[in-house]
Every structure is written in C-alpha cells, then in structure tokens.
Amino acid sequence: MLKSYEATLDHGQIKWLGETPIIASARILVTILEESQPKTKRCPPVSIAGKGNTVADIVSPISDLEDWECLK
C-alpha cells in the first residue's frame, strides 16, 4: 500500500514535517514543488490608454426591473 508523507529536503537530508514513517529502508518517489511566484498585477497595454469611452449609464440596469425573473 502506498502512503504519502510530507517532508523537506535540506542539503540532502530529509526532514519530516508531520508523521514520520517507521521503515528501516524503502524505495521512495520524490516530487519537487516549486516555490510559488507572487502574482503580478495585470495592466492593460499603454497603447489603449485614453481610447475608451462610456456609451451608456453604468449605474442603472439596462432593462426594466419587471423583466428580471429573479425579482419575481
């Protein structure tokens, strides 16, 4: 039966983070998790700056409230 254990590898030494397996020797499979990169904020291209315009009321709904099924 396979069982997973969480550990870190530091200069070739395994350091168990939780439960330590009680095994004298075993064949193991190691998966390396890359450090996650901080997400960068997405920005629109500079080439489209100032080219947008508002063509309608952005606060009021586009249809009558009587047409909304969720309000019935």
N, C-alpha and C. Protein backbone atom coordinates (compact mmCIF):
# COMPACT_ATOMS: atom_id res chain seq x y z
N MET A 1 0.85 -1.18 0.00
CA MET A 1 0.00 0.00 0.00
C MET A 1 0.89 1.24 0.00
N LEU A 2 0.50 2.24 -0.78
CA LEU A 2 1.25 3.49 -0.82
C LEU A 2 0.72 4.45 0.23
N LYS A 3 1.61 5.19 0.84
CA LYS A 3 1.23 6.19 1.82
C LYS A 3 2.09 7.42 1.59
N SER A 4 1.51 8.60 1.72
CA SER A 4 2.24 9.84 1.49
C SER A 4 2.67 10.47 2.80
N TYR A 5 3.86 11.04 2.77
CA TYR A 5 4.40 11.76 3.92
C TYR A 5 4.94 13.09 3.41
N GLU A 6 4.78 14.13 4.20
CA GLU A 6 5.30 15.44 3.79
C GLU A 6 6.64 15.68 4.46
N ALA A 7 7.60 16.15 3.66
CA ALA A 7 8.94 16.39 4.18
C ALA A 7 9.61 17.49 3.36
N THR A 8 10.71 17.99 3.88
CA THR A 8 11.55 18.91 3.12
C THR A 8 12.90 18.26 2.93
N LEU A 9 13.59 18.70 1.90
CA LEU A 9 14.92 18.20 1.62
C LEU A 9 15.88 19.37 1.81
N ASP A 10 16.79 19.25 2.75
CA ASP A 10 17.72 20.33 3.06
C ASP A 10 19.14 19.79 3.02
N HIS A 11 19.88 20.18 2.00
CA HIS A 11 21.27 19.72 1.81
C HIS A 11 21.37 18.20 1.83
N GLY A 12 20.42 17.54 1.14
CA GLY A 12 20.46 16.09 1.04
C GLY A 12 19.86 15.35 2.22
N GLN A 13 19.39 16.05 3.21
CA GLN A 13 18.79 15.43 4.39
C GLN A 13 17.27 15.62 4.37
N ILE A 14 16.55 14.53 4.59
CA ILE A 14 15.09 14.61 4.64
C ILE A 14 14.66 15.01 6.05
N LYS A 15 13.79 16.02 6.12
CA LYS A 15 13.23 16.46 7.41
C LYS A 15 11.72 16.28 7.31
N TRP A 16 11.18 15.38 8.12
CA TRP A 16 9.75 15.09 8.09
C TRP A 16 8.98 16.24 8.71
N LEU A 17 7.88 16.63 8.08
CA LEU A 17 7.08 17.74 8.58
C LEU A 17 5.90 17.27 9.43
N GLY A 18 5.54 16.07 9.33
CA GLY A 18 4.42 15.54 10.11
C GLY A 18 4.79 14.17 10.61
N GLU A 19 3.92 13.24 10.34
CA GLU A 19 4.14 11.85 10.74
C GLU A 19 5.41 11.30 10.09
N THR A 20 6.23 10.63 10.87
CA THR A 20 7.46 10.02 10.37
C THR A 20 7.21 8.54 10.12
N PRO A 21 7.54 8.05 8.91
CA PRO A 21 7.32 6.64 8.63
C PRO A 21 8.25 5.76 9.48
N ILE A 22 7.75 4.63 9.93
CA ILE A 22 8.55 3.69 10.71
C ILE A 22 8.96 2.57 9.77
N ILE A 23 10.01 2.82 8.99
CA ILE A 23 10.50 1.88 7.99
C ILE A 23 12.03 1.92 8.02
N ALA A 24 12.66 0.76 8.01
CA ALA A 24 14.13 0.71 8.03
C ALA A 24 14.70 1.16 6.69
N SER A 25 14.13 0.70 5.60
CA SER A 25 14.56 1.15 4.27
C SER A 25 13.38 1.01 3.32
N ALA A 26 13.38 1.84 2.30
CA ALA A 26 12.26 1.82 1.35
C ALA A 26 12.69 2.50 0.07
N ARG A 27 11.99 2.16 -0.99
CA ARG A 27 12.16 2.87 -2.25
C ARG A 27 11.18 4.03 -2.22
N ILE A 28 11.66 5.24 -2.55
CA ILE A 28 10.79 6.41 -2.45
C ILE A 28 10.73 7.13 -3.80
N LEU A 29 9.68 7.89 -3.98
CA LEU A 29 9.49 8.74 -5.14
C LEU A 29 9.37 10.16 -4.61
N VAL A 30 10.21 11.05 -5.11
CA VAL A 30 10.23 12.43 -4.62
C VAL A 30 9.64 13.35 -5.68
N THR A 31 8.72 14.20 -5.28
CA THR A 31 8.14 15.21 -6.15
C THR A 31 8.56 16.57 -5.60
N ILE A 32 9.19 17.38 -6.43
CA ILE A 32 9.65 18.69 -6.00
C ILE A 32 8.57 19.72 -6.33
N LEU A 33 8.11 20.45 -5.32
CA LEU A 33 7.13 21.52 -5.51
C LEU A 33 7.90 22.83 -5.64
N GLU A 34 7.72 23.50 -6.77
CA GLU A 34 8.39 24.77 -6.97
C GLU A 34 7.77 25.83 -6.08
N GLU A 35 8.60 26.78 -5.67
CA GLU A 35 8.10 27.90 -4.88
C GLU A 35 7.13 28.70 -5.74
N SER A 36 5.99 29.05 -5.19
CA SER A 36 5.02 29.81 -5.97
C SER A 36 5.50 31.25 -6.10
N GLN A 37 5.35 31.78 -7.30
CA GLN A 37 5.74 33.16 -7.56
C GLN A 37 4.58 34.08 -7.19
N PRO A 38 4.89 35.25 -6.64
CA PRO A 38 3.80 36.18 -6.35
C PRO A 38 3.11 36.59 -7.64
N LYS A 39 1.80 36.65 -7.59
CA LYS A 39 1.05 37.01 -8.78
C LYS A 39 1.25 38.50 -9.06
N THR A 40 1.54 38.78 -10.31
CA THR A 40 1.73 40.17 -10.71
C THR A 40 0.39 40.75 -11.14
N LYS A 41 0.23 42.02 -10.88
CA LYS A 41 -1.00 42.70 -11.26
C LYS A 41 -1.02 42.89 -12.77
N ARG A 42 -2.11 42.50 -13.40
CA ARG A 42 -2.24 42.66 -14.84
C ARG A 42 -2.65 44.09 -15.15
N CYS A 43 -2.01 44.67 -16.13
CA CYS A 43 -2.31 46.03 -16.56
C CYS A 43 -2.59 46.03 -18.06
N PRO A 44 -3.50 46.89 -18.49
CA PRO A 44 -3.76 46.97 -19.93
C PRO A 44 -2.55 47.59 -20.63
N PRO A 45 -2.41 47.30 -21.92
CA PRO A 45 -1.30 47.89 -22.66
C PRO A 45 -1.39 49.42 -22.69
N VAL A 46 -0.28 50.08 -22.68
CA VAL A 46 -0.24 51.54 -22.72
C VAL A 46 -0.85 52.05 -24.03
N SER A 47 -0.79 51.26 -25.08
CA SER A 47 -1.28 51.70 -26.39
C SER A 47 -2.79 51.96 -26.41
N ILE A 48 -3.56 51.44 -25.44
CA ILE A 48 -5.01 51.69 -25.44
C ILE A 48 -5.42 52.76 -24.43
N ALA A 49 -4.47 53.37 -23.77
CA ALA A 49 -4.77 54.40 -22.77
C ALA A 49 -5.50 55.56 -23.41
N GLY A 50 -6.60 55.98 -22.78
CA GLY A 50 -7.36 57.13 -23.24
C GLY A 50 -8.27 56.86 -24.42
N LYS A 51 -8.37 55.64 -24.89
CA LYS A 51 -9.18 55.33 -26.07
C LYS A 51 -10.57 54.79 -25.73
N GLY A 52 -10.86 54.53 -24.45
CA GLY A 52 -12.17 54.02 -24.06
C GLY A 52 -13.15 55.14 -23.80
N ASN A 53 -14.43 54.84 -23.94
CA ASN A 53 -15.45 55.83 -23.60
C ASN A 53 -16.69 55.11 -23.09
N THR A 54 -17.46 55.79 -22.26
CA THR A 54 -18.69 55.24 -21.70
C THR A 54 -19.83 55.59 -22.64
N VAL A 55 -20.58 54.58 -23.08
CA VAL A 55 -21.63 54.83 -24.06
C VAL A 55 -23.03 54.78 -23.45
N ALA A 56 -23.15 54.45 -22.16
CA ALA A 56 -24.47 54.38 -21.53
C ALA A 56 -24.31 54.61 -20.03
N ASP A 57 -25.43 54.65 -19.36
CA ASP A 57 -25.45 54.79 -17.91
C ASP A 57 -24.88 53.51 -17.30
N ILE A 58 -23.82 53.62 -16.51
CA ILE A 58 -23.20 52.41 -15.95
C ILE A 58 -23.74 52.07 -14.56
N VAL A 59 -24.72 52.84 -14.07
CA VAL A 59 -25.28 52.58 -12.75
C VAL A 59 -26.65 51.92 -12.84
N SER A 60 -27.50 52.41 -13.71
CA SER A 60 -28.86 51.89 -13.83
C SER A 60 -28.86 50.61 -14.67
N PRO A 61 -29.80 49.68 -14.39
CA PRO A 61 -29.91 48.47 -15.20
C PRO A 61 -30.31 48.81 -16.62
N ILE A 62 -29.92 47.96 -17.56
CA ILE A 62 -30.22 48.20 -18.98
C ILE A 62 -31.66 47.83 -19.33
N SER A 63 -32.27 46.96 -18.52
CA SER A 63 -33.66 46.57 -18.77
C SER A 63 -34.52 46.95 -17.56
N ASP A 64 -35.84 46.92 -17.76
CA ASP A 64 -36.76 47.25 -16.67
C ASP A 64 -36.70 46.20 -15.58
N LEU A 65 -36.89 46.61 -14.33
CA LEU A 65 -36.84 45.66 -13.20
C LEU A 65 -37.94 44.60 -13.31
N GLU A 66 -39.05 44.92 -13.98
CA GLU A 66 -40.13 43.96 -14.15
C GLU A 66 -39.69 42.77 -15.03
N ASP A 67 -38.68 42.95 -15.84
CA ASP A 67 -38.19 41.89 -16.73
C ASP A 67 -37.26 40.90 -16.02
N TRP A 68 -36.85 41.20 -14.84
CA TRP A 68 -35.89 40.34 -14.12
C TRP A 68 -36.64 39.20 -13.45
N GLU A 69 -36.37 37.97 -13.85
CA GLU A 69 -37.04 36.81 -13.27
C GLU A 69 -36.68 36.60 -11.80
N CYS A 70 -35.50 36.97 -11.41
CA CYS A 70 -35.06 36.72 -10.03
C CYS A 70 -35.82 37.60 -9.04
N LEU A 71 -36.45 38.67 -9.49
CA LEU A 71 -37.19 39.55 -8.59
C LEU A 71 -38.66 39.14 -8.47
N LYS A 72 -39.07 38.13 -9.22
CA LYS A 72 -40.49 37.71 -9.19
C LYS A 72 -40.72 36.71 -8.10
